[in-house]
Amino acid sequence: MKKVIALSTLLALSALGMACGGETANNTANTTNRMANAANTVANAAANAANTVANAAANAANAVANAANATANTAANKPAAGNTANANANANHK
């Protein structure tokens, strides 16, 4: 975020210089603006890549959690071993 603020400040100062300066100042300001825009592009690409990696890690963690929950739910829904005979006996009386 500090880089974005610094680059925005640089662009604002360049615009002020263009408004007040001559042709040389304008050329310098334009060059500075191009460099700042290139730096912004690189910073945005890096931030996007970092977000992609973070999202992939979060998705992987969610998949592991879902698998663990499915396993826990399956185990929780199984009848206890002692109740199996009663469940079978009750099923035969229907």
N, C-alpha and C. Protein backbone atom coordinates (compact mmCIF):
# COMPACT_ATOMS: atom_id res chain seq x y z
N MET A 1 0.83 -1.19 0.00
CA MET A 1 0.00 0.00 0.00
C MET A 1 0.87 1.25 0.00
N LYS A 2 1.99 1.20 0.71
CA LYS A 2 2.89 2.35 0.75
C LYS A 2 3.42 2.67 -0.64
N LYS A 3 3.68 1.61 -1.43
CA LYS A 3 4.19 1.82 -2.78
C LYS A 3 3.15 2.52 -3.64
N VAL A 4 1.90 2.11 -3.48
CA VAL A 4 0.82 2.72 -4.27
C VAL A 4 0.70 4.20 -3.93
N ILE A 5 0.76 4.52 -2.63
CA ILE A 5 0.68 5.92 -2.21
C ILE A 5 1.85 6.71 -2.76
N ALA A 6 3.06 6.13 -2.67
CA ALA A 6 4.25 6.82 -3.16
C ALA A 6 4.16 7.04 -4.68
N LEU A 7 3.71 6.03 -5.41
CA LEU A 7 3.60 6.16 -6.86
C LEU A 7 2.52 7.17 -7.24
N SER A 8 1.41 7.16 -6.50
CA SER A 8 0.36 8.14 -6.77
C SER A 8 0.84 9.56 -6.51
N THR A 9 1.61 9.73 -5.45
CA THR A 9 2.19 11.04 -5.15
C THR A 9 3.12 11.48 -6.26
N LEU A 10 3.93 10.55 -6.73
CA LEU A 10 4.86 10.85 -7.82
C LEU A 10 4.10 11.28 -9.08
N LEU A 11 3.00 10.59 -9.38
CA LEU A 11 2.20 10.97 -10.54
C LEU A 11 1.58 12.36 -10.36
N ALA A 12 1.12 12.65 -9.16
CA ALA A 12 0.52 13.97 -8.90
C ALA A 12 1.56 15.08 -9.04
N LEU A 13 2.75 14.84 -8.51
CA LEU A 13 3.82 15.85 -8.65
C LEU A 13 4.24 16.01 -10.10
N SER A 14 4.24 14.93 -10.84
CA SER A 14 4.58 15.02 -12.27
C SER A 14 3.55 15.85 -13.01
N ALA A 15 2.27 15.64 -12.68
CA ALA A 15 1.22 16.42 -13.32
C ALA A 15 1.36 17.91 -13.00
N LEU A 16 1.72 18.21 -11.77
CA LEU A 16 1.94 19.61 -11.37
C LEU A 16 3.12 20.19 -12.15
N GLY A 17 4.18 19.41 -12.29
CA GLY A 17 5.34 19.86 -13.06
C GLY A 17 4.99 20.10 -14.52
N MET A 18 4.13 19.26 -15.08
CA MET A 18 3.72 19.43 -16.47
C MET A 18 2.91 20.71 -16.64
N ALA A 19 2.11 21.02 -15.63
CA ALA A 19 1.28 22.22 -15.72
C ALA A 19 2.12 23.48 -15.62
N CYS A 20 3.20 23.41 -14.86
CA CYS A 20 4.01 24.61 -14.61
C CYS A 20 5.30 24.68 -15.42
N GLY A 21 5.72 23.58 -15.99
CA GLY A 21 7.03 23.54 -16.63
C GLY A 21 6.97 23.69 -18.13
N GLY A 22 8.16 23.74 -18.73
CA GLY A 22 8.26 23.83 -20.18
C GLY A 22 8.32 22.45 -20.80
N GLU A 23 8.80 22.39 -22.06
CA GLU A 23 8.82 21.14 -22.81
C GLU A 23 9.73 20.10 -22.14
N THR A 24 10.89 20.51 -21.66
CA THR A 24 11.82 19.58 -21.02
C THR A 24 11.19 18.99 -19.76
N ALA A 25 10.55 19.85 -18.99
CA ALA A 25 9.89 19.37 -17.77
C ALA A 25 8.77 18.40 -18.11
N ASN A 26 8.05 18.70 -19.19
CA ASN A 26 6.96 17.81 -19.59
C ASN A 26 7.50 16.46 -20.05
N ASN A 27 8.58 16.45 -20.80
CA ASN A 27 9.17 15.19 -21.25
C ASN A 27 9.66 14.37 -20.06
N THR A 28 10.28 15.05 -19.12
CA THR A 28 10.75 14.36 -17.91
C THR A 28 9.57 13.80 -17.13
N ALA A 29 8.53 14.59 -17.01
CA ALA A 29 7.34 14.15 -16.28
C ALA A 29 6.69 12.97 -16.98
N ASN A 30 6.63 13.01 -18.31
CA ASN A 30 6.05 11.90 -19.06
C ASN A 30 6.86 10.62 -18.86
N THR A 31 8.16 10.75 -18.89
CA THR A 31 9.02 9.59 -18.66
C THR A 31 8.81 9.04 -17.26
N THR A 32 8.74 9.93 -16.30
CA THR A 32 8.50 9.52 -14.91
C THR A 32 7.16 8.82 -14.79
N ASN A 33 6.15 9.36 -15.46
CA ASN A 33 4.82 8.74 -15.42
C ASN A 33 4.84 7.34 -16.04
N ARG A 34 5.55 7.19 -17.14
CA ARG A 34 5.64 5.87 -17.76
C ARG A 34 6.32 4.87 -16.83
N MET A 35 7.37 5.34 -16.18
CA MET A 35 8.09 4.46 -15.25
C MET A 35 7.19 4.09 -14.06
N ALA A 36 6.45 5.07 -13.55
CA ALA A 36 5.55 4.81 -12.42
C ALA A 36 4.44 3.85 -12.84
N ASN A 37 3.91 4.03 -14.04
CA ASN A 37 2.87 3.12 -14.53
C ASN A 37 3.41 1.70 -14.70
N ALA A 38 4.62 1.60 -15.18
CA ALA A 38 5.23 0.27 -15.32
C ALA A 38 5.42 -0.37 -13.95
N ALA A 39 5.86 0.42 -12.98
CA ALA A 39 6.03 -0.10 -11.62
C ALA A 39 4.69 -0.53 -11.04
N ASN A 40 3.64 0.25 -11.31
CA ASN A 40 2.30 -0.14 -10.85
C ASN A 40 1.86 -1.44 -11.48
N THR A 41 2.13 -1.60 -12.76
CA THR A 41 1.76 -2.83 -13.45
C THR A 41 2.46 -4.03 -12.84
N VAL A 42 3.75 -3.88 -12.56
CA VAL A 42 4.50 -4.97 -11.93
C VAL A 42 3.96 -5.27 -10.54
N ALA A 43 3.68 -4.22 -9.76
CA ALA A 43 3.15 -4.42 -8.41
C ALA A 43 1.78 -5.10 -8.44
N ASN A 44 0.94 -4.70 -9.39
CA ASN A 44 -0.37 -5.34 -9.52
C ASN A 44 -0.26 -6.80 -9.92
N ALA A 45 0.65 -7.09 -10.84
CA ALA A 45 0.85 -8.48 -11.25
C ALA A 45 1.33 -9.33 -10.08
N ALA A 46 2.24 -8.78 -9.30
CA ALA A 46 2.75 -9.52 -8.13
C ALA A 46 1.63 -9.73 -7.11
N ALA A 47 0.83 -8.71 -6.89
CA ALA A 47 -0.28 -8.84 -5.93
C ALA A 47 -1.29 -9.87 -6.42
N ASN A 48 -1.57 -9.86 -7.71
CA ASN A 48 -2.51 -10.83 -8.27
C ASN A 48 -1.97 -12.25 -8.14
N ALA A 49 -0.69 -12.42 -8.39
CA ALA A 49 -0.08 -13.74 -8.25
C ALA A 49 -0.14 -14.21 -6.81
N ALA A 50 0.14 -13.31 -5.88
CA ALA A 50 0.08 -13.67 -4.46
C ALA A 50 -1.34 -14.04 -4.06
N ASN A 51 -2.32 -13.31 -4.57
CA ASN A 51 -3.72 -13.63 -4.27
C ASN A 51 -4.11 -14.99 -4.84
N THR A 52 -3.63 -15.28 -6.03
CA THR A 52 -3.92 -16.58 -6.64
C THR A 52 -3.36 -17.71 -5.80
N VAL A 53 -2.12 -17.54 -5.34
CA VAL A 53 -1.50 -18.56 -4.49
C VAL A 53 -2.27 -18.70 -3.18
N ALA A 54 -2.65 -17.59 -2.58
CA ALA A 54 -3.40 -17.63 -1.31
C ALA A 54 -4.75 -18.31 -1.50
N ASN A 55 -5.41 -18.02 -2.62
CA ASN A 55 -6.70 -18.65 -2.89
C ASN A 55 -6.54 -20.16 -3.11
N ALA A 56 -5.49 -20.55 -3.81
CA ALA A 56 -5.25 -21.98 -4.03
C ALA A 56 -4.99 -22.69 -2.71
N ALA A 57 -4.23 -22.06 -1.83
CA ALA A 57 -3.95 -22.64 -0.52
C ALA A 57 -5.24 -22.75 0.30
N ALA A 58 -6.06 -21.73 0.26
CA ALA A 58 -7.33 -21.76 0.99
C ALA A 58 -8.25 -22.85 0.44
N ASN A 59 -8.28 -22.98 -0.88
CA ASN A 59 -9.11 -24.03 -1.49
C ASN A 59 -8.62 -25.41 -1.08
N ALA A 60 -7.32 -25.60 -1.04
CA ALA A 60 -6.77 -26.89 -0.63
C ALA A 60 -7.11 -27.18 0.83
N ALA A 61 -6.99 -26.17 1.67
CA ALA A 61 -7.33 -26.34 3.09
C ALA A 61 -8.81 -26.67 3.25
N ASN A 62 -9.66 -26.03 2.46
CA ASN A 62 -11.10 -26.32 2.51
C ASN A 62 -11.39 -27.74 2.04
N ALA A 63 -10.69 -28.20 1.02
CA ALA A 63 -10.89 -29.56 0.54
C ALA A 63 -10.51 -30.58 1.62
N VAL A 64 -9.41 -30.33 2.31
CA VAL A 64 -8.98 -31.22 3.40
C VAL A 64 -10.01 -31.20 4.52
N ALA A 65 -10.49 -30.02 4.87
CA ALA A 65 -11.50 -29.91 5.93
C ALA A 65 -12.79 -30.62 5.54
N ASN A 66 -13.19 -30.48 4.28
CA ASN A 66 -14.40 -31.16 3.81
C ASN A 66 -14.24 -32.67 3.87
N ALA A 67 -13.08 -33.16 3.49
CA ALA A 67 -12.83 -34.60 3.55
C ALA A 67 -12.87 -35.09 5.00
N ALA A 68 -12.27 -34.33 5.89
CA ALA A 68 -12.28 -34.70 7.31
C ALA A 68 -13.71 -34.69 7.85
N ASN A 69 -14.49 -33.70 7.46
CA ASN A 69 -15.88 -33.64 7.91
C ASN A 69 -16.70 -34.81 7.37
N ALA A 70 -16.46 -35.16 6.12
CA ALA A 70 -17.19 -36.28 5.53
C ALA A 70 -16.86 -37.58 6.27
N THR A 71 -15.58 -37.76 6.60
CA THR A 71 -15.17 -38.95 7.34
C THR A 71 -15.79 -38.96 8.73
N ALA A 72 -15.77 -37.83 9.39
CA ALA A 72 -16.35 -37.73 10.73
C ALA A 72 -17.86 -37.97 10.69
N ASN A 73 -18.53 -37.43 9.68
CA ASN A 73 -19.97 -37.62 9.56
C ASN A 73 -20.32 -39.08 9.29
N THR A 74 -19.52 -39.74 8.46
CA THR A 74 -19.77 -41.16 8.18
C THR A 74 -19.61 -41.98 9.44
N ALA A 75 -18.56 -41.70 10.20
CA ALA A 75 -18.34 -42.43 11.44
C ALA A 75 -19.44 -42.13 12.45
N ALA A 76 -19.90 -40.91 12.52
CA ALA A 76 -20.93 -40.54 13.49
C ALA A 76 -22.28 -41.14 13.14
N ASN A 77 -22.53 -41.37 11.87
CA ASN A 77 -23.82 -41.89 11.44
C ASN A 77 -23.90 -43.41 11.48
N LYS A 78 -22.79 -44.11 11.69
CA LYS A 78 -22.81 -45.57 11.80
C LYS A 78 -23.44 -45.96 13.12
N PRO A 79 -24.27 -46.99 13.13
CA PRO A 79 -24.80 -47.43 14.41
C PRO A 79 -23.70 -48.07 15.25
N ALA A 80 -23.84 -47.96 16.53
CA ALA A 80 -22.86 -48.57 17.43
C ALA A 80 -22.93 -50.08 17.27
N ALA A 81 -21.84 -50.77 17.54
CA ALA A 81 -21.78 -52.22 17.37
C ALA A 81 -22.82 -52.92 18.24
N GLY A 82 -23.06 -52.43 19.44
CA GLY A 82 -24.03 -53.06 20.33
C GLY A 82 -25.46 -52.89 19.85
N ASN A 83 -25.73 -51.88 19.06
CA ASN A 83 -27.08 -51.63 18.58
C ASN A 83 -27.40 -52.36 17.28
N THR A 84 -26.43 -52.98 16.69
CA THR A 84 -26.64 -53.63 15.39
C THR A 84 -27.62 -54.78 15.50
N ALA A 85 -27.49 -55.59 16.55
CA ALA A 85 -28.41 -56.71 16.72
C ALA A 85 -29.83 -56.22 16.93
N ASN A 86 -30.01 -55.18 17.73
CA ASN A 86 -31.36 -54.64 17.94
C ASN A 86 -31.92 -54.06 16.65
N ALA A 87 -31.09 -53.38 15.89
CA ALA A 87 -31.56 -52.81 14.63
C ALA A 87 -31.98 -53.92 13.68
N ASN A 88 -31.22 -55.01 13.64
CA ASN A 88 -31.57 -56.13 12.76
C ASN A 88 -32.84 -56.81 13.25
N ALA A 89 -32.99 -56.97 14.52
CA ALA A 89 -34.20 -57.61 15.07
C ALA A 89 -35.42 -56.75 14.77
N ASN A 90 -35.27 -55.45 14.95
CA ASN A 90 -36.40 -54.56 14.66
C ASN A 90 -36.74 -54.56 13.20
N ALA A 91 -35.75 -54.67 12.34
CA ALA A 91 -36.00 -54.68 10.90
C ALA A 91 -36.79 -55.94 10.49
N ASN A 92 -36.58 -57.06 11.20
CA ASN A 92 -37.26 -58.31 10.87
C ASN A 92 -38.72 -58.30 11.28
N HIS A 93 -39.12 -57.39 12.16
CA HIS A 93 -40.49 -57.37 12.66
C HIS A 93 -41.39 -56.43 11.89
N LYS A 94 -40.92 -55.87 10.83
CA LYS A 94 -41.74 -54.91 10.06
C LYS A 94 -42.77 -55.62 9.24
